[in-house]
Amino acid sequence: MDASYSRLGGGVLLAGAVLGIGVNVALTIIPSDRPTTNPTVIALGWADILVGLLIILSLPVLVGRMASGSRLLSALGFALLVIGYLAFSVILGFERAVTSPYLVVQHVDLSQGPPLGSRRVLLIGGFAKIIGGIVFGVAAYRSRAVSRVAASLIIASSVIFASGLVPHVPELVDVVGGVMLLVGFGICGLQLLGVWAPATTRASAQPATKTGAVV
């Protein structure tokens, strides 16, 4: 893979991860579970759309790095994560930024919750994000081309996110799972930038150093 292309993808992935963490934390602090015309929530909706697009556009670079060791799992995990981010960042972000404020201004009754179509999109996106995160994390771990810390965070984030489906579990687990996934992607972005080296790279460098010392 071309080094400049890899660094570009890493920079975009890191930017998306950092921005995504900020959006997740802000949406936890600012009430956004109901339709509103709050300009801050609207701005966060647009920012969430940007996060989804940045992640989706940069993941192929990471998949290219991983494909040599686990091509099928990488492709499957990528496809499912794209569906998940389209649902939870792009579509839900558009709903926060455009659809919900418009409906509030038009005095549409939303007391019964979001439309059925929105709930179906989030349900499909949720399962895609859970399964995709696990598959992608396993592919990253098996490929030995990605830091095991990042791979472990991606897998763990999906498990935590899935626990949100259990009744009476607080919604905070969704935020924790989402942030952990973004931290894992951020580490991958640093790796593509050449800042963070995977364990296998460090391990392979050590024998060479020792050999050089003996010679």
N, C-alpha and C. Protein backbone atom coordinates (compact mmCIF):
# COMPACT_ATOMS: atom_id res chain seq x y z
N MET A 1 0.84 -1.19 0.00
CA MET A 1 0.00 0.00 0.00
C MET A 1 0.88 1.24 0.00
N ASP A 2 0.53 2.26 -0.80
CA ASP A 2 1.30 3.49 -0.87
C ASP A 2 1.32 4.17 0.49
N ALA A 3 2.51 4.62 0.90
CA ALA A 3 2.67 5.18 2.25
C ALA A 3 1.85 6.45 2.43
N SER A 4 1.82 7.31 1.41
CA SER A 4 1.06 8.56 1.54
C SER A 4 -0.43 8.28 1.64
N TYR A 5 -0.91 7.28 0.87
CA TYR A 5 -2.32 6.89 0.93
C TYR A 5 -2.66 6.34 2.31
N SER A 6 -1.74 5.54 2.86
CA SER A 6 -1.94 4.97 4.19
C SER A 6 -1.99 6.06 5.25
N ARG A 7 -1.09 7.04 5.16
CA ARG A 7 -1.09 8.13 6.13
C ARG A 7 -2.33 8.99 6.01
N LEU A 8 -2.78 9.22 4.78
CA LEU A 8 -4.01 9.99 4.58
C LEU A 8 -5.19 9.28 5.22
N GLY A 9 -5.32 7.97 4.97
CA GLY A 9 -6.40 7.20 5.58
C GLY A 9 -6.30 7.20 7.09
N GLY A 10 -5.08 7.09 7.61
CA GLY A 10 -4.90 7.12 9.05
C GLY A 10 -5.30 8.45 9.66
N GLY A 11 -4.95 9.54 8.98
CA GLY A 11 -5.32 10.86 9.49
C GLY A 11 -6.82 11.06 9.51
N VAL A 12 -7.50 10.62 8.44
CA VAL A 12 -8.96 10.75 8.37
C VAL A 12 -9.62 9.87 9.43
N LEU A 13 -9.11 8.65 9.61
CA LEU A 13 -9.67 7.75 10.61
C LEU A 13 -9.49 8.31 12.01
N LEU A 14 -8.32 8.85 12.29
CA LEU A 14 -8.05 9.44 13.60
C LEU A 14 -8.95 10.65 13.84
N ALA A 15 -9.11 11.50 12.82
CA ALA A 15 -9.97 12.68 12.96
C ALA A 15 -11.41 12.27 13.23
N GLY A 16 -11.89 11.27 12.50
CA GLY A 16 -13.24 10.79 12.72
C GLY A 16 -13.43 10.21 14.11
N ALA A 17 -12.42 9.48 14.60
CA ALA A 17 -12.51 8.88 15.93
C ALA A 17 -12.54 9.95 17.02
N VAL A 18 -11.65 10.94 16.92
CA VAL A 18 -11.60 12.00 17.93
C VAL A 18 -12.89 12.81 17.93
N LEU A 19 -13.36 13.19 16.74
CA LEU A 19 -14.60 13.95 16.64
C LEU A 19 -15.77 13.11 17.15
N GLY A 20 -15.77 11.81 16.83
CA GLY A 20 -16.86 10.94 17.27
C GLY A 20 -16.92 10.81 18.78
N ILE A 21 -15.76 10.72 19.43
CA ILE A 21 -15.75 10.65 20.89
C ILE A 21 -16.35 11.92 21.48
N GLY A 22 -15.97 13.07 20.93
CA GLY A 22 -16.53 14.33 21.41
C GLY A 22 -18.04 14.40 21.23
N VAL A 23 -18.54 13.94 20.07
CA VAL A 23 -19.98 13.96 19.80
C VAL A 23 -20.71 13.02 20.76
N ASN A 24 -20.18 11.82 20.99
CA ASN A 24 -20.81 10.86 21.90
C ASN A 24 -20.91 11.42 23.31
N VAL A 25 -19.83 12.01 23.79
CA VAL A 25 -19.83 12.58 25.14
C VAL A 25 -20.80 13.76 25.23
N ALA A 26 -20.80 14.62 24.22
CA ALA A 26 -21.69 15.79 24.23
C ALA A 26 -23.16 15.38 24.21
N LEU A 27 -23.50 14.36 23.41
CA LEU A 27 -24.89 13.90 23.34
C LEU A 27 -25.33 13.23 24.63
N THR A 28 -24.37 12.76 25.42
CA THR A 28 -24.70 12.19 26.73
C THR A 28 -25.01 13.29 27.73
N ILE A 29 -24.30 14.41 27.62
CA ILE A 29 -24.49 15.52 28.55
C ILE A 29 -25.72 16.34 28.20
N ILE A 30 -25.91 16.60 26.90
CA ILE A 30 -27.02 17.43 26.44
C ILE A 30 -28.22 16.54 26.11
N PRO A 31 -29.39 16.80 26.68
CA PRO A 31 -30.58 15.99 26.38
C PRO A 31 -30.89 15.99 24.89
N SER A 32 -30.89 14.80 24.29
CA SER A 32 -31.12 14.72 22.84
C SER A 32 -31.96 13.51 22.48
N ASP A 33 -32.63 12.91 23.48
CA ASP A 33 -33.41 11.71 23.22
C ASP A 33 -34.79 12.02 22.66
N ARG A 34 -35.18 13.31 22.65
CA ARG A 34 -36.47 13.71 22.10
C ARG A 34 -36.26 14.76 21.01
N PRO A 35 -37.21 14.85 20.07
CA PRO A 35 -37.10 15.86 19.02
C PRO A 35 -36.99 17.26 19.61
N THR A 36 -36.09 18.05 19.09
CA THR A 36 -35.86 19.38 19.62
C THR A 36 -35.31 20.29 18.54
N THR A 37 -35.46 21.60 18.79
CA THR A 37 -34.88 22.60 17.89
C THR A 37 -33.64 23.23 18.53
N ASN A 38 -33.11 22.59 19.56
CA ASN A 38 -31.90 23.08 20.23
C ASN A 38 -30.77 23.15 19.20
N PRO A 39 -30.20 24.34 18.98
CA PRO A 39 -29.15 24.48 17.96
C PRO A 39 -27.91 23.64 18.25
N THR A 40 -27.63 23.40 19.53
CA THR A 40 -26.47 22.57 19.88
C THR A 40 -26.69 21.13 19.43
N VAL A 41 -27.89 20.62 19.67
CA VAL A 41 -28.21 19.25 19.24
C VAL A 41 -28.19 19.15 17.72
N ILE A 42 -28.68 20.18 17.05
CA ILE A 42 -28.67 20.20 15.58
C ILE A 42 -27.22 20.18 15.07
N ALA A 43 -26.36 20.99 15.70
CA ALA A 43 -24.95 21.01 15.30
C ALA A 43 -24.29 19.66 15.55
N LEU A 44 -24.63 19.03 16.66
CA LEU A 44 -24.08 17.69 16.96
C LEU A 44 -24.58 16.66 15.96
N GLY A 45 -25.81 16.85 15.46
CA GLY A 45 -26.33 15.96 14.44
C GLY A 45 -25.50 16.04 13.16
N TRP A 46 -25.18 17.26 12.74
CA TRP A 46 -24.34 17.43 11.55
C TRP A 46 -22.94 16.88 11.79
N ALA A 47 -22.42 17.08 13.00
CA ALA A 47 -21.09 16.56 13.34
C ALA A 47 -21.10 15.03 13.32
N ASP A 48 -22.20 14.43 13.77
CA ASP A 48 -22.31 12.97 13.77
C ASP A 48 -22.32 12.43 12.34
N ILE A 49 -22.98 13.14 11.45
CA ILE A 49 -22.96 12.75 10.03
C ILE A 49 -21.53 12.76 9.50
N LEU A 50 -20.80 13.81 9.85
CA LEU A 50 -19.39 13.92 9.41
C LEU A 50 -18.56 12.78 9.97
N VAL A 51 -18.79 12.43 11.24
CA VAL A 51 -18.07 11.32 11.86
C VAL A 51 -18.30 10.03 11.08
N GLY A 52 -19.57 9.74 10.79
CA GLY A 52 -19.89 8.52 10.05
C GLY A 52 -19.22 8.48 8.69
N LEU A 53 -19.23 9.60 7.98
CA LEU A 53 -18.62 9.65 6.65
C LEU A 53 -17.10 9.48 6.73
N LEU A 54 -16.47 10.11 7.72
CA LEU A 54 -15.02 9.99 7.88
C LEU A 54 -14.61 8.55 8.17
N ILE A 55 -15.36 7.90 9.06
CA ILE A 55 -15.06 6.51 9.41
C ILE A 55 -15.25 5.61 8.20
N ILE A 56 -16.38 5.77 7.51
CA ILE A 56 -16.69 4.91 6.37
C ILE A 56 -15.65 5.09 5.25
N LEU A 57 -15.24 6.33 5.00
CA LEU A 57 -14.30 6.61 3.90
C LEU A 57 -12.87 6.13 4.23
N SER A 58 -12.52 6.09 5.51
CA SER A 58 -11.15 5.72 5.88
C SER A 58 -10.98 4.25 6.20
N LEU A 59 -12.06 3.55 6.53
CA LEU A 59 -11.94 2.13 6.88
C LEU A 59 -11.35 1.27 5.76
N PRO A 60 -11.64 1.54 4.47
CA PRO A 60 -11.03 0.71 3.42
C PRO A 60 -9.51 0.68 3.48
N VAL A 61 -8.88 1.78 3.92
CA VAL A 61 -7.43 1.79 4.04
C VAL A 61 -6.99 0.80 5.11
N LEU A 62 -7.72 0.78 6.23
CA LEU A 62 -7.41 -0.16 7.30
C LEU A 62 -7.68 -1.59 6.87
N VAL A 63 -8.76 -1.80 6.12
CA VAL A 63 -9.07 -3.14 5.60
C VAL A 63 -7.96 -3.62 4.68
N GLY A 64 -7.43 -2.72 3.85
CA GLY A 64 -6.33 -3.08 2.97
C GLY A 64 -5.11 -3.54 3.74
N ARG A 65 -4.87 -2.94 4.92
CA ARG A 65 -3.75 -3.35 5.75
C ARG A 65 -4.00 -4.74 6.35
N MET A 66 -5.26 -5.03 6.66
CA MET A 66 -5.60 -6.29 7.33
C MET A 66 -5.85 -7.44 6.37
N ALA A 67 -6.19 -7.13 5.11
CA ALA A 67 -6.69 -8.15 4.18
C ALA A 67 -5.70 -9.28 3.92
N SER A 68 -4.41 -9.00 4.05
CA SER A 68 -3.42 -10.03 3.75
C SER A 68 -3.53 -11.21 4.70
N GLY A 69 -4.05 -10.99 5.91
CA GLY A 69 -4.14 -12.08 6.86
C GLY A 69 -5.53 -12.65 7.02
N SER A 70 -6.55 -11.85 6.73
CA SER A 70 -7.92 -12.33 6.95
C SER A 70 -8.88 -11.55 6.05
N ARG A 71 -8.84 -11.87 4.76
CA ARG A 71 -9.57 -11.09 3.76
C ARG A 71 -11.08 -11.19 3.91
N LEU A 72 -11.62 -12.39 4.08
CA LEU A 72 -13.07 -12.59 4.16
C LEU A 72 -13.64 -11.91 5.40
N LEU A 73 -13.03 -12.14 6.56
CA LEU A 73 -13.52 -11.54 7.80
C LEU A 73 -13.41 -10.02 7.75
N SER A 74 -12.33 -9.53 7.17
CA SER A 74 -12.15 -8.08 7.06
C SER A 74 -13.25 -7.45 6.22
N ALA A 75 -13.55 -8.07 5.08
CA ALA A 75 -14.58 -7.54 4.18
C ALA A 75 -15.96 -7.61 4.82
N LEU A 76 -16.25 -8.73 5.50
CA LEU A 76 -17.56 -8.89 6.15
C LEU A 76 -17.71 -7.90 7.29
N GLY A 77 -16.69 -7.78 8.12
CA GLY A 77 -16.75 -6.83 9.23
C GLY A 77 -16.88 -5.41 8.74
N PHE A 78 -16.16 -5.06 7.68
CA PHE A 78 -16.24 -3.72 7.10
C PHE A 78 -17.65 -3.42 6.61
N ALA A 79 -18.24 -4.36 5.88
CA ALA A 79 -19.59 -4.15 5.32
C ALA A 79 -20.61 -3.93 6.44
N LEU A 80 -20.51 -4.72 7.51
CA LEU A 80 -21.46 -4.58 8.62
C LEU A 80 -21.24 -3.28 9.38
N LEU A 81 -19.99 -2.89 9.56
CA LEU A 81 -19.71 -1.63 10.25
C LEU A 81 -20.20 -0.43 9.43
N VAL A 82 -20.10 -0.53 8.12
CA VAL A 82 -20.62 0.55 7.26
C VAL A 82 -22.13 0.69 7.47
N ILE A 83 -22.84 -0.44 7.52
CA ILE A 83 -24.29 -0.39 7.77
C ILE A 83 -24.57 0.23 9.14
N GLY A 84 -23.78 -0.18 10.14
CA GLY A 84 -23.97 0.35 11.48
C GLY A 84 -23.75 1.85 11.55
N TYR A 85 -22.68 2.34 10.91
CA TYR A 85 -22.40 3.77 10.95
C TYR A 85 -23.37 4.57 10.08
N LEU A 86 -23.83 3.98 9.01
CA LEU A 86 -24.87 4.65 8.21
C LEU A 86 -26.13 4.86 9.04
N ALA A 87 -26.49 3.85 9.85
CA ALA A 87 -27.70 3.94 10.66
C ALA A 87 -27.53 4.89 11.85
N PHE A 88 -26.45 4.69 12.62
CA PHE A 88 -26.32 5.40 13.89
C PHE A 88 -25.67 6.77 13.77
N SER A 89 -24.89 7.01 12.74
CA SER A 89 -24.24 8.32 12.60
C SER A 89 -24.87 9.14 11.49
N VAL A 90 -24.98 8.57 10.30
CA VAL A 90 -25.47 9.35 9.16
C VAL A 90 -26.98 9.56 9.24
N ILE A 91 -27.75 8.47 9.34
CA ILE A 91 -29.21 8.60 9.34
C ILE A 91 -29.71 9.22 10.63
N LEU A 92 -29.21 8.73 11.78
CA LEU A 92 -29.65 9.31 13.06
C LEU A 92 -29.17 10.75 13.20
N GLY A 93 -27.97 11.05 12.69
CA GLY A 93 -27.49 12.43 12.71
C GLY A 93 -28.37 13.34 11.86
N PHE A 94 -28.79 12.85 10.69
CA PHE A 94 -29.69 13.63 9.83
C PHE A 94 -31.03 13.84 10.51
N GLU A 95 -31.49 12.83 11.23
CA GLU A 95 -32.75 12.97 11.96
C GLU A 95 -32.65 14.06 13.02
N ARG A 96 -31.52 14.10 13.73
CA ARG A 96 -31.33 15.13 14.76
C ARG A 96 -31.18 16.52 14.14
N ALA A 97 -30.48 16.58 13.02
CA ALA A 97 -30.15 17.88 12.43
C ALA A 97 -31.27 18.46 11.57
N VAL A 98 -32.06 17.61 10.93
CA VAL A 98 -33.03 18.10 9.95
C VAL A 98 -34.46 17.64 10.25
N THR A 99 -34.65 16.32 10.30
CA THR A 99 -36.01 15.79 10.38
C THR A 99 -36.73 16.19 11.66
N SER A 100 -36.11 15.94 12.81
CA SER A 100 -36.77 16.24 14.09
C SER A 100 -37.07 17.73 14.27
N PRO A 101 -36.11 18.64 14.01
CA PRO A 101 -36.46 20.07 14.13
C PRO A 101 -37.60 20.48 13.20
N TYR A 102 -37.61 19.92 11.99
CA TYR A 102 -38.69 20.26 11.05
C TYR A 102 -40.05 19.81 11.60
N LEU A 103 -40.09 18.58 12.14
CA LEU A 103 -41.34 18.07 12.68
C LEU A 103 -41.79 18.86 13.89
N VAL A 104 -40.85 19.31 14.70
CA VAL A 104 -41.20 20.12 15.87
C VAL A 104 -41.78 21.46 15.43
N VAL A 105 -41.15 22.08 14.44
CA VAL A 105 -41.63 23.37 13.93
C VAL A 105 -43.02 23.23 13.32
N GLN A 106 -43.28 22.08 12.69
CA GLN A 106 -44.59 21.83 12.06
C GLN A 106 -45.62 21.31 13.06
N HIS A 107 -45.22 21.21 14.33
CA HIS A 107 -46.11 20.77 15.42
C HIS A 107 -46.69 19.38 15.17
N VAL A 108 -45.84 18.50 14.65
CA VAL A 108 -46.25 17.12 14.45
C VAL A 108 -46.15 16.38 15.79
N ASP A 109 -47.17 15.59 16.10
CA ASP A 109 -47.21 14.86 17.37
C ASP A 109 -46.24 13.68 17.33
N LEU A 110 -45.20 13.76 18.17
CA LEU A 110 -44.21 12.69 18.24
C LEU A 110 -44.20 12.05 19.63
N SER A 111 -45.32 12.17 20.34
CA SER A 111 -45.39 11.64 21.70
C SER A 111 -45.31 10.12 21.73
N GLN A 112 -45.64 9.47 20.62
CA GLN A 112 -45.59 8.01 20.58
C GLN A 112 -44.22 7.47 20.21
N GLY A 113 -43.25 8.36 20.12
CA GLY A 113 -41.91 7.91 19.78
C GLY A 113 -41.60 8.12 18.31
N PRO A 114 -40.41 7.72 17.88
CA PRO A 114 -40.01 7.90 16.48
C PRO A 114 -40.82 7.03 15.55
N PRO A 115 -40.87 7.37 14.27
CA PRO A 115 -41.61 6.55 13.30
C PRO A 115 -41.08 5.11 13.26
N LEU A 116 -41.95 4.19 12.84
CA LEU A 116 -41.57 2.78 12.81
C LEU A 116 -40.37 2.55 11.91
N GLY A 117 -40.29 3.27 10.80
CA GLY A 117 -39.16 3.10 9.89
C GLY A 117 -37.84 3.43 10.55
N SER A 118 -37.82 4.48 11.38
CA SER A 118 -36.58 4.86 12.08
C SER A 118 -36.16 3.78 13.05
N ARG A 119 -37.13 3.20 13.75
CA ARG A 119 -36.80 2.14 14.71
C ARG A 119 -36.25 0.91 14.00
N ARG A 120 -36.77 0.60 12.82
CA ARG A 120 -36.25 -0.54 12.06
C ARG A 120 -34.83 -0.29 11.60
N VAL A 121 -34.57 0.93 11.15
CA VAL A 121 -33.22 1.27 10.71
C VAL A 121 -32.23 1.13 11.86
N LEU A 122 -32.60 1.63 13.04
CA LEU A 122 -31.71 1.55 14.20
C LEU A 122 -31.54 0.11 14.67
N LEU A 123 -32.58 -0.69 14.56
CA LEU A 123 -32.48 -2.09 14.97
C LEU A 123 -31.52 -2.84 14.05
N ILE A 124 -31.69 -2.66 12.74
CA ILE A 124 -30.80 -3.31 11.78
C ILE A 124 -29.37 -2.79 11.96
N GLY A 125 -29.24 -1.48 12.10
CA GLY A 125 -27.92 -0.89 12.29
C GLY A 125 -27.25 -1.35 13.57
N GLY A 126 -28.05 -1.53 14.62
CA GLY A 126 -27.50 -1.98 15.90
C GLY A 126 -26.92 -3.38 15.80
N PHE A 127 -27.67 -4.30 15.22
CA PHE A 127 -27.16 -5.67 15.06
C PHE A 127 -25.96 -5.70 14.12
N ALA A 128 -26.00 -4.88 13.07
CA ALA A 128 -24.86 -4.83 12.14
C ALA A 128 -23.61 -4.31 12.84
N LYS A 129 -23.79 -3.32 13.71
CA LYS A 129 -22.64 -2.75 14.42
C LYS A 129 -22.07 -3.75 15.43
N ILE A 130 -22.94 -4.50 16.10
CA ILE A 130 -22.49 -5.49 17.08
C ILE A 130 -21.71 -6.61 16.39
N ILE A 131 -22.35 -7.22 15.39
CA ILE A 131 -21.71 -8.35 14.69
C ILE A 131 -20.49 -7.88 13.92
N GLY A 132 -20.63 -6.72 13.25
CA GLY A 132 -19.52 -6.20 12.47
C GLY A 132 -18.31 -5.87 13.33
N GLY A 133 -18.54 -5.31 14.51
CA GLY A 133 -17.42 -4.99 15.40
C GLY A 133 -16.68 -6.23 15.85
N ILE A 134 -17.43 -7.27 16.20
CA ILE A 134 -16.80 -8.52 16.64
C ILE A 134 -16.01 -9.15 15.49
N VAL A 135 -16.64 -9.25 14.31
CA VAL A 135 -15.98 -9.87 13.16
C VAL A 135 -14.75 -9.06 12.75
N PHE A 136 -14.90 -7.73 12.71
CA PHE A 136 -13.78 -6.88 12.30
C PHE A 136 -12.64 -6.95 13.32
N GLY A 137 -13.01 -6.98 14.60
CA GLY A 137 -11.99 -7.09 15.64
C GLY A 137 -11.23 -8.40 15.58
N VAL A 138 -11.96 -9.50 15.33
CA VAL A 138 -11.31 -10.80 15.19
C VAL A 138 -10.39 -10.81 13.98
N ALA A 139 -10.87 -10.22 12.87
CA ALA A 139 -10.04 -10.14 11.66
C ALA A 139 -8.77 -9.33 11.93
N ALA A 140 -8.93 -8.22 12.67
CA ALA A 140 -7.76 -7.39 13.00
C ALA A 140 -6.78 -8.15 13.87
N TYR A 141 -7.32 -8.91 14.81
CA TYR A 141 -6.45 -9.70 15.72
C TYR A 141 -5.71 -10.78 14.95
N ARG A 142 -6.42 -11.46 14.05
CA ARG A 142 -5.81 -12.56 13.30
C ARG A 142 -4.81 -12.06 12.26
N SER A 143 -5.04 -10.88 11.74
CA SER A 143 -4.17 -10.38 10.67
C SER A 143 -2.77 -10.04 11.16
N ARG A 144 -2.63 -9.78 12.46
CA ARG A 144 -1.35 -9.36 13.05
C ARG A 144 -0.80 -8.09 12.41
N ALA A 145 -1.65 -7.38 11.70
CA ALA A 145 -1.23 -6.13 11.07
C ALA A 145 -1.75 -4.93 11.84
N VAL A 146 -2.57 -5.19 12.85
CA VAL A 146 -3.17 -4.13 13.66
C VAL A 146 -2.82 -4.39 15.12
N SER A 147 -2.61 -3.32 15.86
CA SER A 147 -2.31 -3.46 17.28
C SER A 147 -3.36 -4.31 17.97
N ARG A 148 -2.91 -5.25 18.81
CA ARG A 148 -3.84 -6.11 19.54
C ARG A 148 -4.66 -5.32 20.55
N VAL A 149 -4.12 -4.21 21.00
CA VAL A 149 -4.88 -3.33 21.89
C VAL A 149 -6.12 -2.81 21.15
N ALA A 150 -5.89 -2.33 19.92
CA ALA A 150 -7.01 -1.81 19.12
C ALA A 150 -8.01 -2.91 18.80
N ALA A 151 -7.51 -4.10 18.40
CA ALA A 151 -8.41 -5.21 18.07
C ALA A 151 -9.23 -5.61 19.28
N SER A 152 -8.62 -5.67 20.45
CA SER A 152 -9.33 -6.05 21.67
C SER A 152 -10.38 -5.02 22.04
N LEU A 153 -10.07 -3.73 21.86
CA LEU A 153 -11.04 -2.68 22.15
C LEU A 153 -12.25 -2.76 21.21
N ILE A 154 -11.99 -3.06 19.94
CA ILE A 154 -13.08 -3.16 18.97
C ILE A 154 -14.02 -4.32 19.33
N ILE A 155 -13.44 -5.46 19.69
CA ILE A 155 -14.25 -6.60 20.08
C ILE A 155 -15.03 -6.31 21.36
N ALA A 156 -14.34 -5.77 22.37
CA ALA A 156 -14.97 -5.49 23.66
C ALA A 156 -16.09 -4.46 23.52
N SER A 157 -15.90 -3.47 22.63
CA SER A 157 -16.92 -2.44 22.44
C SER A 157 -18.22 -3.04 21.93
N SER A 158 -18.12 -4.03 21.05
CA SER A 158 -19.33 -4.66 20.51
C SER A 158 -20.04 -5.48 21.57
N VAL A 159 -19.27 -6.15 22.43
CA VAL A 159 -19.88 -6.93 23.51
C VAL A 159 -20.61 -6.00 24.48
N ILE A 160 -19.98 -4.88 24.82
CA ILE A 160 -20.61 -3.92 25.73
C ILE A 160 -21.84 -3.29 25.08
N PHE A 161 -21.72 -2.95 23.80
CA PHE A 161 -22.85 -2.37 23.08
C PHE A 161 -24.02 -3.35 23.04
N ALA A 162 -23.71 -4.64 22.87
CA ALA A 162 -24.76 -5.67 22.82
C ALA A 162 -25.46 -5.80 24.17
N SER A 163 -24.75 -5.54 25.26
CA SER A 163 -25.38 -5.65 26.59
C SER A 163 -26.49 -4.63 26.77
N GLY A 164 -26.48 -3.58 25.93
CA GLY A 164 -27.56 -2.60 26.00
C GLY A 164 -28.90 -3.15 25.58
N LEU A 165 -28.90 -4.31 24.92
CA LEU A 165 -30.17 -4.95 24.54
C LEU A 165 -30.84 -5.64 25.71
N VAL A 166 -30.10 -5.86 26.80
CA VAL A 166 -30.65 -6.51 27.98
C VAL A 166 -31.56 -5.52 28.71
N PRO A 167 -32.77 -5.94 29.10
CA PRO A 167 -33.68 -5.03 29.82
C PRO A 167 -33.05 -4.48 31.10
N HIS A 168 -33.38 -3.22 31.40
CA HIS A 168 -32.97 -2.53 32.63
C HIS A 168 -31.48 -2.17 32.65
N VAL A 169 -30.77 -2.43 31.57
CA VAL A 169 -29.37 -2.00 31.49
C VAL A 169 -29.35 -0.53 31.07
N PRO A 170 -28.64 0.34 31.80
CA PRO A 170 -28.66 1.77 31.47
C PRO A 170 -28.12 2.06 30.07
N GLU A 171 -28.64 3.12 29.46
CA GLU A 171 -28.23 3.49 28.11
C GLU A 171 -26.78 3.93 28.04
N LEU A 172 -26.18 4.17 29.20
CA LEU A 172 -24.78 4.60 29.23
C LEU A 172 -23.86 3.57 28.59
N VAL A 173 -24.25 2.28 28.62
CA VAL A 173 -23.40 1.25 28.03
C VAL A 173 -23.27 1.45 26.52
N ASP A 174 -24.31 2.02 25.88
CA ASP A 174 -24.22 2.31 24.45
C ASP A 174 -23.13 3.34 24.18
N VAL A 175 -23.06 4.35 25.04
CA VAL A 175 -22.05 5.39 24.89
C VAL A 175 -20.66 4.81 25.13
N VAL A 176 -20.53 4.00 26.20
CA VAL A 176 -19.24 3.40 26.52
C VAL A 176 -18.77 2.52 25.37
N GLY A 177 -19.69 1.69 24.84
CA GLY A 177 -19.34 0.83 23.71
C GLY A 177 -18.93 1.63 22.49
N GLY A 178 -19.68 2.69 22.20
CA GLY A 178 -19.35 3.52 21.04
C GLY A 178 -18.00 4.21 21.19
N VAL A 179 -17.71 4.72 22.39
CA VAL A 179 -16.43 5.39 22.62
C VAL A 179 -15.27 4.40 22.53
N MET A 180 -15.45 3.19 23.08
CA MET A 180 -14.39 2.18 23.01
C MET A 180 -14.08 1.82 21.56
N LEU A 181 -15.13 1.70 20.74
CA LEU A 181 -14.92 1.39 19.32
C LEU A 181 -14.12 2.50 18.64
N LEU A 182 -14.46 3.75 18.96
CA LEU A 182 -13.76 4.89 18.36
C LEU A 182 -12.32 4.99 18.86
N VAL A 183 -12.08 4.63 20.12
CA VAL A 183 -10.71 4.61 20.63
C VAL A 183 -9.89 3.57 19.87
N GLY A 184 -10.51 2.39 19.64
CA GLY A 184 -9.83 1.37 18.84
C GLY A 184 -9.51 1.85 17.45
N PHE A 185 -10.46 2.54 16.81
CA PHE A 185 -10.21 3.09 15.47
C PHE A 185 -9.15 4.18 15.52
N GLY A 186 -9.15 4.97 16.61
CA GLY A 186 -8.14 6.01 16.74
C GLY A 186 -6.73 5.43 16.81
N ILE A 187 -6.58 4.32 17.54
CA ILE A 187 -5.28 3.65 17.62
C ILE A 187 -4.88 3.13 16.24
N CYS A 188 -5.85 2.57 15.52
CA CYS A 188 -5.57 2.11 14.15
C CYS A 188 -5.14 3.27 13.26
N GLY A 189 -5.78 4.44 13.45
CA GLY A 189 -5.39 5.63 12.69
C GLY A 189 -3.96 6.05 13.00
N LEU A 190 -3.60 6.00 14.29
CA LEU A 190 -2.22 6.32 14.67
C LEU A 190 -1.24 5.33 14.06
N GLN A 191 -1.66 4.07 13.97
CA GLN A 191 -0.80 3.06 13.36
C GLN A 191 -0.59 3.33 11.88
N LEU A 192 -1.67 3.69 11.18
CA LEU A 192 -1.54 4.01 9.76
C LEU A 192 -0.66 5.24 9.54
N LEU A 193 -0.67 6.13 10.51
CA LEU A 193 0.17 7.33 10.44
C LEU A 193 1.63 7.02 10.78
N GLY A 194 1.87 5.81 11.31
CA GLY A 194 3.22 5.43 11.68
C GLY A 194 3.61 5.82 13.09
N VAL A 195 2.62 6.29 13.88
CA VAL A 195 2.90 6.72 15.26
C VAL A 195 2.84 5.54 16.23
N TRP A 196 1.89 4.62 15.99
CA TRP A 196 1.66 3.48 16.87
C TRP A 196 1.98 2.21 16.09
N ALA A 197 2.95 1.44 16.55
CA ALA A 197 3.32 0.20 15.86
C ALA A 197 2.66 -0.99 16.53
N PRO A 198 2.16 -1.96 15.73
CA PRO A 198 1.59 -3.17 16.32
C PRO A 198 2.64 -3.99 17.03
N ALA A 199 2.18 -4.89 17.90
CA ALA A 199 3.10 -5.68 18.71
C ALA A 199 4.02 -6.53 17.84
N THR A 200 3.50 -7.04 16.71
CA THR A 200 4.32 -7.91 15.86
C THR A 200 5.48 -7.14 15.23
N THR A 201 5.25 -5.85 14.92
CA THR A 201 6.31 -5.04 14.35
C THR A 201 7.42 -4.83 15.36
N ARG A 202 7.03 -4.54 16.61
CA ARG A 202 8.01 -4.35 17.65
C ARG A 202 8.77 -5.63 17.94
N ALA A 203 8.02 -6.76 17.90
CA ALA A 203 8.65 -8.04 18.19
C ALA A 203 9.65 -8.42 17.11
N SER A 204 9.30 -8.15 15.85
CA SER A 204 10.18 -8.50 14.75
C SER A 204 11.41 -7.60 14.71
N ALA A 205 11.27 -6.39 15.28
CA ALA A 205 12.40 -5.46 15.28
C ALA A 205 13.43 -5.83 16.33
N GLN A 206 12.96 -6.50 17.42
CA GLN A 206 13.87 -6.82 18.50
C GLN A 206 14.97 -7.81 18.10
N PRO A 207 14.63 -8.95 17.42
CA PRO A 207 15.68 -9.87 17.01
C PRO A 207 16.72 -9.21 16.12
N ALA A 208 16.26 -8.33 15.22
CA ALA A 208 17.19 -7.66 14.31
C ALA A 208 18.16 -6.81 15.11
N THR A 209 17.64 -6.14 16.15
CA THR A 209 18.50 -5.31 16.98
C THR A 209 19.52 -6.14 17.73
N LYS A 210 19.05 -7.29 18.27
CA LYS A 210 19.96 -8.17 18.99
C LYS A 210 21.03 -8.76 18.08
N THR A 211 20.63 -9.14 16.85
CA THR A 211 21.59 -9.68 15.90
C THR A 211 22.64 -8.66 15.56
N GLY A 212 22.17 -7.41 15.38
CA GLY A 212 23.11 -6.36 15.07
C GLY A 212 24.08 -6.13 16.21
N ALA A 213 23.58 -6.30 17.46
CA ALA A 213 24.45 -6.11 18.60
C ALA A 213 25.51 -7.20 18.68
N VAL A 214 25.13 -8.45 18.31
CA VAL A 214 26.08 -9.55 18.37
C VAL A 214 27.17 -9.37 17.32
N VAL A 215 26.71 -8.96 16.10
CA VAL A 215 27.67 -8.75 15.02
C VAL A 215 28.62 -7.61 15.39
